[in-house]
Amino acid sequence: MTRRVSVNVTPAERIARIVIGVVGTVGGLLVIAGGASLWSVVLAVLLIAAGLDLVVTGSTGHCPLYQRLGHVPASLKGGTS
């Protein structure tokens, strides 16, 4: 049984989320690879997690936070997504 989630992120925002997410993930990985201090590694892990979240929400087109807040972009209202 599959459950289909509604698309609540516009196409332009989806692209931006994916690009920014990839940049954040790669940046975090580079900080960790540099072998920096403990605090910078912790922050890099958080950056990687945020980046991966942006990539996932951008690629699926569904943002759980938007859903909880009841946010639907004007361009998607009335659509059959």
PDB file of N, CA and C in Angstrom:
ATOM      1  N   MET A   1       0.845  -1.174   0.000  1.00  0.00           N
ATOM      2  CA  MET A   1       0.000   0.000   0.000  1.00  0.00           C
ATOM      3  C   MET A   1       0.892   1.239   0.000  1.00  0.00           C
ATOM      4  N   THR A   2       0.800   2.032  -1.030  1.00  0.00           N
ATOM      5  CA  THR A   2       1.596   3.248  -1.110  1.00  0.00           C
ATOM      6  C   THR A   2       0.731   4.455  -0.805  1.00  0.00           C
ATOM      7  N   ARG A   3       1.345   5.413  -0.162  1.00  0.00           N
ATOM      8  CA  ARG A   3       0.642   6.648   0.175  1.00  0.00           C
ATOM      9  C   ARG A   3       1.272   7.781  -0.607  1.00  0.00           C
ATOM     10  N   ARG A   4       0.491   8.452  -1.391  1.00  0.00           N
ATOM     11  CA  ARG A   4       1.003   9.538  -2.221  1.00  0.00           C
ATOM     12  C   ARG A   4       0.881  10.852  -1.459  1.00  0.00           C
ATOM     13  N   VAL A   5       1.980  11.585  -1.395  1.00  0.00           N
ATOM     14  CA  VAL A   5       1.966  12.888  -0.732  1.00  0.00           C
ATOM     15  C   VAL A   5       1.756  13.972  -1.778  1.00  0.00           C
ATOM     16  N   SER A   6       1.137  15.053  -1.363  1.00  0.00           N
ATOM     17  CA  SER A   6       0.858  16.133  -2.299  1.00  0.00           C
ATOM     18  C   SER A   6       2.096  16.996  -2.510  1.00  0.00           C
ATOM     19  N   VAL A   7       2.188  17.554  -3.687  1.00  0.00           N
ATOM     20  CA  VAL A   7       3.271  18.475  -4.008  1.00  0.00           C
ATOM     21  C   VAL A   7       2.898  19.839  -3.442  1.00  0.00           C
ATOM     22  N   ASN A   8       3.748  20.366  -2.571  1.00  0.00           N
ATOM     23  CA  ASN A   8       3.475  21.676  -1.980  1.00  0.00           C
ATOM     24  C   ASN A   8       4.681  22.616  -2.095  1.00  0.00           C
ATOM     25  N   VAL A   9       5.547  22.319  -3.060  1.00  0.00           N
ATOM     26  CA  VAL A   9       6.727  23.147  -3.319  1.00  0.00           C
ATOM     27  C   VAL A   9       6.729  23.459  -4.817  1.00  0.00           C
ATOM     28  N   THR A  10       6.884  24.727  -5.153  1.00  0.00           N
ATOM     29  CA  THR A  10       6.861  25.131  -6.562  1.00  0.00           C
ATOM     30  C   THR A  10       8.091  24.604  -7.302  1.00  0.00           C
ATOM     31  N   PRO A  11       7.997  24.482  -8.622  1.00  0.00           N
ATOM     32  CA  PRO A  11       9.155  23.991  -9.397  1.00  0.00           C
ATOM     33  C   PRO A  11      10.422  24.825  -9.198  1.00  0.00           C
ATOM     34  N   ALA A  12      10.298  26.140  -9.150  1.00  0.00           N
ATOM     35  CA  ALA A  12      11.484  26.986  -8.950  1.00  0.00           C
ATOM     36  C   ALA A  12      12.090  26.743  -7.570  1.00  0.00           C
ATOM     37  N   GLU A  13      11.242  26.599  -6.558  1.00  0.00           N
ATOM     38  CA  GLU A  13      11.748  26.334  -5.212  1.00  0.00           C
ATOM     39  C   GLU A  13      12.362  24.947  -5.122  1.00  0.00           C
ATOM     40  N   ARG A  14      11.827  23.999  -5.854  1.00  0.00           N
ATOM     41  CA  ARG A  14      12.395  22.649  -5.854  1.00  0.00           C
ATOM     42  C   ARG A  14      13.826  22.677  -6.379  1.00  0.00           C
ATOM     43  N   ILE A  15      14.040  23.395  -7.479  1.00  0.00           N
ATOM     44  CA  ILE A  15      15.393  23.496  -8.049  1.00  0.00           C
ATOM     45  C   ILE A  15      16.335  24.180  -7.067  1.00  0.00           C
ATOM     46  N   ALA A  16      15.870  25.268  -6.468  1.00  0.00           N
ATOM     47  CA  ALA A  16      16.705  25.999  -5.508  1.00  0.00           C
ATOM     48  C   ALA A  16      17.042  25.124  -4.309  1.00  0.00           C
ATOM     49  N   ARG A  17      16.074  24.365  -3.802  1.00  0.00           N
ATOM     50  CA  ARG A  17      16.332  23.472  -2.665  1.00  0.00           C
ATOM     51  C   ARG A  17      17.391  22.435  -3.014  1.00  0.00           C
ATOM     52  N   ILE A  18      17.288  21.860  -4.201  1.00  0.00           N
ATOM     53  CA  ILE A  18      18.255  20.828  -4.596  1.00  0.00           C
ATOM     54  C   ILE A  18      19.650  21.423  -4.728  1.00  0.00           C
ATOM     55  N   VAL A  19      19.765  22.566  -5.397  1.00  0.00           N
ATOM     56  CA  VAL A  19      21.086  23.186  -5.596  1.00  0.00           C
ATOM     57  C   VAL A  19      21.703  23.587  -4.259  1.00  0.00           C
ATOM     58  N   ILE A  20      20.940  24.274  -3.415  1.00  0.00           N
ATOM     59  CA  ILE A  20      21.465  24.715  -2.116  1.00  0.00           C
ATOM     60  C   ILE A  20      21.768  23.513  -1.227  1.00  0.00           C
ATOM     61  N   GLY A  21      20.929  22.490  -1.293  1.00  0.00           N
ATOM     62  CA  GLY A  21      21.160  21.278  -0.497  1.00  0.00           C
ATOM     63  C   GLY A  21      22.443  20.563  -0.888  1.00  0.00           C
ATOM     64  N   VAL A  22      22.688  20.457  -2.177  1.00  0.00           N
ATOM     65  CA  VAL A  22      23.920  19.802  -2.642  1.00  0.00           C
ATOM     66  C   VAL A  22      25.143  20.608  -2.213  1.00  0.00           C
ATOM     67  N   VAL A  23      25.060  21.931  -2.371  1.00  0.00           N
ATOM     68  CA  VAL A  23      26.186  22.785  -1.964  1.00  0.00           C
ATOM     69  C   VAL A  23      26.455  22.647  -0.466  1.00  0.00           C
ATOM     70  N   GLY A  24      25.399  22.657   0.341  1.00  0.00           N
ATOM     71  CA  GLY A  24      25.564  22.512   1.790  1.00  0.00           C
ATOM     72  C   GLY A  24      26.135  21.163   2.175  1.00  0.00           C
ATOM     73  N   THR A  25      25.653  20.113   1.534  1.00  0.00           N
ATOM     74  CA  THR A  25      26.146  18.765   1.835  1.00  0.00           C
ATOM     75  C   THR A  25      27.620  18.624   1.470  1.00  0.00           C
ATOM     76  N   VAL A  26      27.982  19.089   0.292  1.00  0.00           N
ATOM     77  CA  VAL A  26      29.383  19.007  -0.140  1.00  0.00           C
ATOM     78  C   VAL A  26      30.266  19.870   0.763  1.00  0.00           C
ATOM     79  N   GLY A  27      29.794  21.060   1.105  1.00  0.00           N
ATOM     80  CA  GLY A  27      30.560  21.922   2.010  1.00  0.00           C
ATOM     81  C   GLY A  27      30.790  21.271   3.366  1.00  0.00           C
ATOM     82  N   GLY A  28      29.767  20.640   3.907  1.00  0.00           N
ATOM     83  CA  GLY A  28      29.917  19.948   5.183  1.00  0.00           C
ATOM     84  C   GLY A  28      30.894  18.792   5.095  1.00  0.00           C
ATOM     85  N   LEU A  29      30.826  18.061   3.998  1.00  0.00           N
ATOM     86  CA  LEU A  29      31.763  16.950   3.813  1.00  0.00           C
ATOM     87  C   LEU A  29      33.205  17.446   3.696  1.00  0.00           C
ATOM     88  N   LEU A  30      33.396  18.574   3.045  1.00  0.00           N
ATOM     89  CA  LEU A  30      34.740  19.134   2.922  1.00  0.00           C
ATOM     90  C   LEU A  30      35.294  19.576   4.273  1.00  0.00           C
ATOM     91  N   VAL A  31      34.437  20.137   5.120  1.00  0.00           N
ATOM     92  CA  VAL A  31      34.888  20.534   6.464  1.00  0.00           C
ATOM     93  C   VAL A  31      35.307  19.302   7.261  1.00  0.00           C
ATOM     94  N   ILE A  32      34.506  18.245   7.193  1.00  0.00           N
ATOM     95  CA  ILE A  32      34.846  17.022   7.929  1.00  0.00           C
ATOM     96  C   ILE A  32      36.136  16.416   7.388  1.00  0.00           C
ATOM     97  N   ALA A  33      36.286  16.409   6.070  1.00  0.00           N
ATOM     98  CA  ALA A  33      37.497  15.844   5.460  1.00  0.00           C
ATOM     99  C   ALA A  33      38.737  16.640   5.846  1.00  0.00           C
ATOM    100  N   GLY A  34      38.565  17.922   6.161  1.00  0.00           N
ATOM    101  CA  GLY A  34      39.699  18.757   6.555  1.00  0.00           C
ATOM    102  C   GLY A  34      40.210  18.453   7.949  1.00  0.00           C
ATOM    103  N   GLY A  35      39.481  17.661   8.706  1.00  0.00           N
ATOM    104  CA  GLY A  35      39.916  17.283  10.046  1.00  0.00           C
ATOM    105  C   GLY A  35      40.013  18.454  10.996  1.00  0.00           C
ATOM    106  N   ALA A  36      39.005  19.267  11.029  1.00  0.00           N
ATOM    107  CA  ALA A  36      39.004  20.461  11.870  1.00  0.00           C
ATOM    108  C   ALA A  36      38.625  20.111  13.312  1.00  0.00           C
ATOM    109  N   SER A  37      38.352  21.123  14.111  1.00  0.00           N
ATOM    110  CA  SER A  37      38.037  20.929  15.526  1.00  0.00           C
ATOM    111  C   SER A  37      36.694  20.228  15.707  1.00  0.00           C
ATOM    112  N   LEU A  38      36.432  19.804  16.937  1.00  0.00           N
ATOM    113  CA  LEU A  38      35.201  19.083  17.252  1.00  0.00           C
ATOM    114  C   LEU A  38      33.968  19.924  16.940  1.00  0.00           C
ATOM    115  N   TRP A  39      33.998  21.198  17.305  1.00  0.00           N
ATOM    116  CA  TRP A  39      32.838  22.064  17.064  1.00  0.00           C
ATOM    117  C   TRP A  39      32.561  22.234  15.587  1.00  0.00           C
ATOM    118  N   SER A  40      33.602  22.380  14.794  1.00  0.00           N
ATOM    119  CA  SER A  40      33.370  22.546  13.359  1.00  0.00           C
ATOM    120  C   SER A  40      32.847  21.253  12.731  1.00  0.00           C
ATOM    121  N   VAL A  41      33.258  20.115  13.259  1.00  0.00           N
ATOM    122  CA  VAL A  41      32.742  18.840  12.763  1.00  0.00           C
ATOM    123  C   VAL A  41      31.268  18.699  13.131  1.00  0.00           C
ATOM    124  N   VAL A  42      30.899  19.071  14.354  1.00  0.00           N
ATOM    125  CA  VAL A  42      29.494  19.014  14.768  1.00  0.00           C
ATOM    126  C   VAL A  42      28.646  19.920  13.883  1.00  0.00           C
ATOM    127  N   LEU A  43      29.118  21.132  13.646  1.00  0.00           N
ATOM    128  CA  LEU A  43      28.379  22.044  12.780  1.00  0.00           C
ATOM    129  C   LEU A  43      28.330  21.536  11.341  1.00  0.00           C
ATOM    130  N   ALA A  44      29.392  20.894  10.890  1.00  0.00           N
ATOM    131  CA  ALA A  44      29.409  20.337   9.541  1.00  0.00           C
ATOM    132  C   ALA A  44      28.387  19.209   9.408  1.00  0.00           C
ATOM    133  N   VAL A  45      28.249  18.396  10.435  1.00  0.00           N
ATOM    134  CA  VAL A  45      27.248  17.319  10.414  1.00  0.00           C
ATOM    135  C   VAL A  45      25.841  17.916  10.338  1.00  0.00           C
ATOM    136  N   LEU A  46      25.604  18.986  11.084  1.00  0.00           N
ATOM    137  CA  LEU A  46      24.302  19.655  11.017  1.00  0.00           C
ATOM    138  C   LEU A  46      24.069  20.251   9.624  1.00  0.00           C
ATOM    139  N   LEU A  47      25.115  20.794   9.017  1.00  0.00           N
ATOM    140  CA  LEU A  47      25.010  21.337   7.668  1.00  0.00           C
ATOM    141  C   LEU A  47      24.700  20.236   6.662  1.00  0.00           C
ATOM    142  N   ILE A  48      25.320  19.096   6.832  1.00  0.00           N
ATOM    143  CA  ILE A  48      25.053  17.955   5.951  1.00  0.00           C
ATOM    144  C   ILE A  48      23.605  17.496   6.106  1.00  0.00           C
ATOM    145  N   ALA A  49      23.124  17.412   7.346  1.00  0.00           N
ATOM    146  CA  ALA A  49      21.740  16.989   7.581  1.00  0.00           C
ATOM    147  C   ALA A  49      20.747  17.971   6.954  1.00  0.00           C
ATOM    148  N   ALA A  50      20.998  19.260   7.116  1.00  0.00           N
ATOM    149  CA  ALA A  50      20.125  20.270   6.520  1.00  0.00           C
ATOM    150  C   ALA A  50      20.181  20.197   4.996  1.00  0.00           C
ATOM    151  N   GLY A  51      21.371  20.001   4.455  1.00  0.00           N
ATOM    152  CA  GLY A  51      21.524  19.887   3.011  1.00  0.00           C
ATOM    153  C   GLY A  51      20.789  18.690   2.444  1.00  0.00           C
ATOM    154  N   LEU A  52      20.888  17.556   3.123  1.00  0.00           N
ATOM    155  CA  LEU A  52      20.180  16.361   2.673  1.00  0.00           C
ATOM    156  C   LEU A  52      18.668  16.546   2.757  1.00  0.00           C
ATOM    157  N   ASP A  53      18.210  17.236   3.804  1.00  0.00           N
ATOM    158  CA  ASP A  53      16.781  17.525   3.925  1.00  0.00           C
ATOM    159  C   ASP A  53      16.310  18.367   2.746  1.00  0.00           C
ATOM    160  N   LEU A  54      17.078  19.371   2.380  1.00  0.00           N
ATOM    161  CA  LEU A  54      16.706  20.213   1.241  1.00  0.00           C
ATOM    162  C   LEU A  54      16.697  19.418  -0.061  1.00  0.00           C
ATOM    163  N   VAL A  55      17.656  18.531  -0.240  1.00  0.00           N
ATOM    164  CA  VAL A  55      17.695  17.707  -1.448  1.00  0.00           C
ATOM    165  C   VAL A  55      16.470  16.796  -1.515  1.00  0.00           C
ATOM    166  N   VAL A  56      16.123  16.180  -0.399  1.00  0.00           N
ATOM    167  CA  VAL A  56      14.973  15.261  -0.380  1.00  0.00           C
ATOM    168  C   VAL A  56      13.668  16.011  -0.620  1.00  0.00           C
ATOM    169  N   THR A  57      13.460  17.129   0.090  1.00  0.00           N
ATOM    170  CA  THR A  57      12.207  17.866  -0.097  1.00  0.00           C
ATOM    171  C   THR A  57      12.142  18.486  -1.487  1.00  0.00           C
ATOM    172  N   GLY A  58      13.272  18.872  -2.036  1.00  0.00           N
ATOM    173  CA  GLY A  58      13.286  19.414  -3.387  1.00  0.00           C
ATOM    174  C   GLY A  58      12.996  18.355  -4.436  1.00  0.00           C
ATOM    175  N   SER A  59      13.552  17.182  -4.263  1.00  0.00           N
ATOM    176  CA  SER A  59      13.348  16.132  -5.266  1.00  0.00           C
ATOM    177  C   SER A  59      11.960  15.507  -5.181  1.00  0.00           C
ATOM    178  N   THR A  60      11.377  15.449  -3.987  1.00  0.00           N
ATOM    179  CA  THR A  60      10.022  14.892  -3.862  1.00  0.00           C
ATOM    180  C   THR A  60       8.953  15.940  -4.108  1.00  0.00           C
ATOM    181  N   GLY A  61       9.284  17.215  -3.915  1.00  0.00           N
ATOM    182  CA  GLY A  61       8.304  18.277  -4.088  1.00  0.00           C
ATOM    183  C   GLY A  61       7.362  18.428  -2.918  1.00  0.00           C
ATOM    184  N   HIS A  62       7.668  17.755  -1.822  1.00  0.00           N
ATOM    185  CA  HIS A  62       6.805  17.814  -0.634  1.00  0.00           C
ATOM    186  C   HIS A  62       7.620  18.240   0.580  1.00  0.00           C
ATOM    187  N   CYS A  63       7.141  19.274   1.270  1.00  0.00           N
ATOM    188  CA  CYS A  63       7.787  19.750   2.482  1.00  0.00           C
ATOM    189  C   CYS A  63       6.859  19.483   3.673  1.00  0.00           C
ATOM    190  N   PRO A  64       7.244  18.596   4.591  1.00  0.00           N
ATOM    191  CA  PRO A  64       6.393  18.308   5.740  1.00  0.00           C
ATOM    192  C   PRO A  64       6.105  19.532   6.611  1.00  0.00           C
ATOM    193  N   LEU A  65       7.062  20.457   6.709  1.00  0.00           N
ATOM    194  CA  LEU A  65       6.825  21.665   7.495  1.00  0.00           C
ATOM    195  C   LEU A  65       5.743  22.526   6.842  1.00  0.00           C
ATOM    196  N   TYR A  66       5.799  22.674   5.532  1.00  0.00           N
ATOM    197  CA  TYR A  66       4.745  23.405   4.827  1.00  0.00           C
ATOM    198  C   TYR A  66       3.386  22.759   5.092  1.00  0.00           C
ATOM    199  N   GLN A  67       3.364  21.429   5.072  1.00  0.00           N
ATOM    200  CA  GLN A  67       2.103  20.716   5.307  1.00  0.00           C
ATOM    201  C   GLN A  67       1.568  20.995   6.706  1.00  0.00           C
ATOM    202  N   ARG A  68       2.436  20.931   7.701  1.00  0.00           N
ATOM    203  CA  ARG A  68       2.003  21.188   9.088  1.00  0.00           C
ATOM    204  C   ARG A  68       1.500  22.610   9.271  1.00  0.00           C
ATOM    205  N   LEU A  69       2.127  23.557   8.561  1.00  0.00           N
ATOM    206  CA  LEU A  69       1.722  24.958   8.664  1.00  0.00           C
ATOM    207  C   LEU A  69       0.532  25.288   7.764  1.00  0.00           C
ATOM    208  N   GLY A  70       0.163  24.359   6.894  1.00  0.00           N
ATOM    209  CA  GLY A  70      -0.944  24.592   5.984  1.00  0.00           C
ATOM    210  C   GLY A  70      -0.591  25.513   4.829  1.00  0.00           C
ATOM    211  N   HIS A  71       0.698  25.627   4.532  1.00  0.00           N
ATOM    212  CA  HIS A  71       1.160  26.533   3.471  1.00  0.00           C
ATOM    213  C   HIS A  71       1.055  25.850   2.111  1.00  0.00           C
ATOM    214  N   VAL A  72       0.368  26.522   1.189  1.00  0.00           N
ATOM    215  CA  VAL A  72       0.317  26.080  -0.196  1.00  0.00           C
ATOM    216  C   VAL A  72       0.607  27.306  -1.057  1.00  0.00           C
ATOM    217  N   PRO A  73       1.664  27.264  -1.875  1.00  0.00           N
ATOM    218  CA  PRO A  73       1.976  28.406  -2.730  1.00  0.00           C
ATOM    219  C   PRO A  73       0.799  28.757  -3.643  1.00  0.00           C
ATOM    220  N   ALA A  74       0.650  30.020  -3.925  1.00  0.00           N
ATOM    221  CA  ALA A  74      -0.477  30.489  -4.751  1.00  0.00           C
ATOM    222  C   ALA A  74      -0.490  29.811  -6.115  1.00  0.00           C
ATOM    223  N   SER A  75       0.688  29.558  -6.676  1.00  0.00           N
ATOM    224  CA  SER A  75       0.738  28.941  -8.009  1.00  0.00           C
ATOM    225  C   SER A  75       0.291  27.478  -7.995  1.00  0.00           C
ATOM    226  N   LEU A  76       0.252  26.853  -6.818  1.00  0.00           N
ATOM    227  CA  LEU A  76      -0.169  25.468  -6.733  1.00  0.00           C
ATOM    228  C   LEU A  76      -1.615  25.306  -6.255  1.00  0.00           C
ATOM    229  N   LYS A  77      -2.231  26.368  -5.818  1.00  0.00           N
ATOM    230  CA  LYS A  77      -3.621  26.290  -5.356  1.00  0.00           C
ATOM    231  C   LYS A  77      -4.528  26.000  -6.528  1.00  0.00           C
ATOM    232  N   GLY A  78      -5.413  25.063  -6.308  1.00  0.00           N
ATOM    233  CA  GLY A  78      -6.375  24.719  -7.351  1.00  0.00           C
ATOM    234  C   GLY A  78      -5.816  23.754  -8.374  1.00  0.00           C
ATOM    235  N   GLY A  79      -4.540  23.372  -8.249  1.00  0.00           N
ATOM    236  CA  GLY A  79      -3.945  22.429  -9.176  1.00  0.00           C
ATOM    237  C   GLY A  79      -4.280  20.999  -8.789  1.00  0.00           C
ATOM    238  N   THR A  80      -4.002  20.074  -9.661  1.00  0.00           N
ATOM    239  CA  THR A  80      -4.279  18.663  -9.389  1.00  0.00           C
ATOM    240  C   THR A  80      -2.975  17.910  -9.190  1.00  0.00           C
ATOM    241  N   SER A  81      -2.163  18.365  -8.250  1.00  0.00           N
ATOM    242  CA  SER A  81      -0.871  17.715  -7.987  1.00  0.00           C
ATOM    243  C   SER A  81      -0.985  16.674  -6.939  1.00  0.00           C
TER     244      SER A  81
END
